[in-house]
Amino acid sequence: MDDSAWATIAELNHWLTKDSELPAETQKILQILKITEEAGEVAEAVIGATGQNPRKGFSHGWDDVEKELCDVIITSMVALTRLNPEAGLVFRRELRRVAARALGPS
């Protein structure tokens, strides 16, 4: 994830919070909960892409699943930014840790 992506996330976070009258702590909690909402939309799209809802049939395509997964990622990045303004560094550190655990030392 490059720095320009994190800069865009910072802009989105500012846009989402600038007019809010909620306390910052409440905004953090709600942003984290928003991840669950977005994940539910991924599940709905997968069910629609596989035609598993008898009422709706094939209501989504795999491109919809991709878009919904991106929404989860973006929403998570915003949440991480609200928790820590150095979100990009936190993410890179955690990605290295997970990769080292899964793949071994590079």
Protein backbone atom coordinates (compact mmCIF):
# COMPACT_ATOMS: atom_id res chain seq x y z
CA MET A 1 0.00 0.00 0.00
CA ASP A 2 1.66 3.20 -1.09
CA ASP A 3 1.64 6.52 0.72
CA SER A 4 -0.76 8.08 -1.80
CA ALA A 5 -3.41 5.54 -0.84
CA TRP A 6 -2.98 6.51 2.83
CA ALA A 7 -3.13 10.21 1.88
CA THR A 8 -6.45 9.57 0.14
CA ILE A 9 -7.69 7.70 3.20
CA ALA A 10 -6.70 10.67 5.39
CA GLU A 11 -8.72 12.95 3.10
CA LEU A 12 -11.72 10.61 3.26
CA ASN A 13 -11.45 10.46 7.04
CA HIS A 14 -11.39 14.25 7.24
CA TRP A 15 -14.41 14.49 4.93
CA LEU A 16 -16.32 11.95 7.04
CA THR A 17 -15.56 13.65 10.36
CA LYS A 18 -15.41 17.38 9.61
CA ASP A 19 -19.09 18.12 10.21
CA SER A 20 -19.79 15.45 12.81
CA GLU A 21 -20.96 16.58 16.21
CA LEU A 22 -20.22 13.18 17.74
CA PRO A 23 -17.32 12.81 20.15
CA ALA A 24 -14.15 11.43 18.53
CA GLU A 25 -14.38 8.23 20.60
CA THR A 26 -17.92 7.58 19.34
CA GLN A 27 -16.80 8.22 15.77
CA LYS A 28 -14.02 5.63 16.19
CA ILE A 29 -16.44 3.02 17.51
CA LEU A 30 -18.97 3.64 14.76
CA GLN A 31 -16.29 3.47 12.07
CA ILE A 32 -15.15 0.10 13.41
CA LEU A 33 -18.76 -1.13 13.41
CA LYS A 34 -19.08 0.07 9.82
CA ILE A 35 -16.56 -2.64 8.84
CA THR A 36 -19.11 -5.27 9.89
CA GLU A 37 -21.81 -3.60 7.83
CA GLU A 38 -19.56 -3.61 4.78
CA ALA A 39 -18.59 -7.26 5.36
CA GLY A 40 -22.28 -8.11 5.37
CA GLU A 41 -22.55 -6.52 1.94
CA VAL A 42 -19.70 -8.77 0.76
CA ALA A 43 -21.65 -11.79 2.01
CA GLU A 44 -24.80 -10.58 0.26
CA ALA A 45 -22.87 -10.14 -3.00
CA VAL A 46 -21.32 -13.64 -2.75
CA ILE A 47 -24.75 -15.15 -2.10
CA GLY A 48 -26.06 -13.22 -5.11
CA ALA A 49 -23.12 -14.19 -7.31
CA THR A 50 -23.66 -17.87 -6.53
CA GLY A 51 -27.46 -17.69 -6.78
CA GLN A 52 -27.97 -19.05 -3.28
CA ASN A 53 -30.97 -16.89 -2.39
CA PRO A 54 -34.03 -18.64 -3.88
CA ARG A 55 -35.99 -15.38 -3.80
CA LYS A 56 -33.38 -13.33 -5.68
CA GLY A 57 -31.44 -15.88 -7.74
CA PHE A 58 -28.29 -14.56 -9.39
CA SER A 59 -28.63 -10.96 -8.21
CA HIS A 60 -24.92 -10.03 -8.19
CA GLY A 61 -21.77 -10.73 -10.15
CA TRP A 62 -18.21 -11.33 -8.99
CA ASP A 63 -17.43 -7.73 -9.93
CA ASP A 64 -19.92 -6.72 -7.20
CA VAL A 65 -18.01 -8.91 -4.74
CA GLU A 66 -14.77 -7.15 -5.72
CA LYS A 67 -16.35 -3.72 -5.17
CA GLU A 68 -17.73 -4.75 -1.78
CA LEU A 69 -14.34 -6.16 -0.72
CA CYS A 70 -12.78 -2.83 -1.63
CA ASP A 71 -15.38 -1.09 0.54
CA VAL A 72 -14.32 -3.32 3.47
CA ILE A 73 -10.66 -2.47 2.88
CA ILE A 74 -11.30 1.28 2.58
CA THR A 75 -13.57 1.30 5.63
CA SER A 76 -10.93 -0.61 7.61
CA MET A 77 -8.22 1.80 6.52
CA VAL A 78 -10.31 4.74 7.68
CA ALA A 79 -10.93 3.00 11.02
CA LEU A 80 -7.22 2.35 11.47
CA THR A 81 -6.49 5.99 10.66
CA ARG A 82 -8.94 7.10 13.34
CA LEU A 83 -7.19 4.87 15.88
CA ASN A 84 -3.69 5.91 14.89
CA PRO A 85 -2.66 8.77 12.59
CA GLU A 86 0.39 6.66 11.66
CA ALA A 87 -1.92 4.01 10.18
CA GLY A 88 0.32 3.39 7.17
CA LEU A 89 3.25 2.50 9.41
CA VAL A 90 1.05 0.30 11.60
CA PHE A 91 -0.25 -1.52 8.52
CA ARG A 92 3.21 -2.08 7.03
CA ARG A 93 4.50 -3.40 10.38
CA GLU A 94 1.56 -5.79 10.76
CA LEU A 95 1.81 -6.97 7.16
CA ARG A 96 5.50 -7.79 7.67
CA ARG A 97 4.68 -9.62 10.91
CA VAL A 98 1.93 -11.70 9.32
CA ALA A 99 4.05 -12.45 6.26
CA ALA A 100 7.01 -13.52 8.40
CA ARG A 101 4.78 -15.80 10.47
CA ALA A 102 3.15 -17.34 7.41
CA LEU A 103 6.02 -17.32 4.93
CA GLY A 104 9.08 -17.35 7.15
CA PRO A 105 11.95 -14.89 7.07
CA SER A 106 12.62 -13.29 3.73
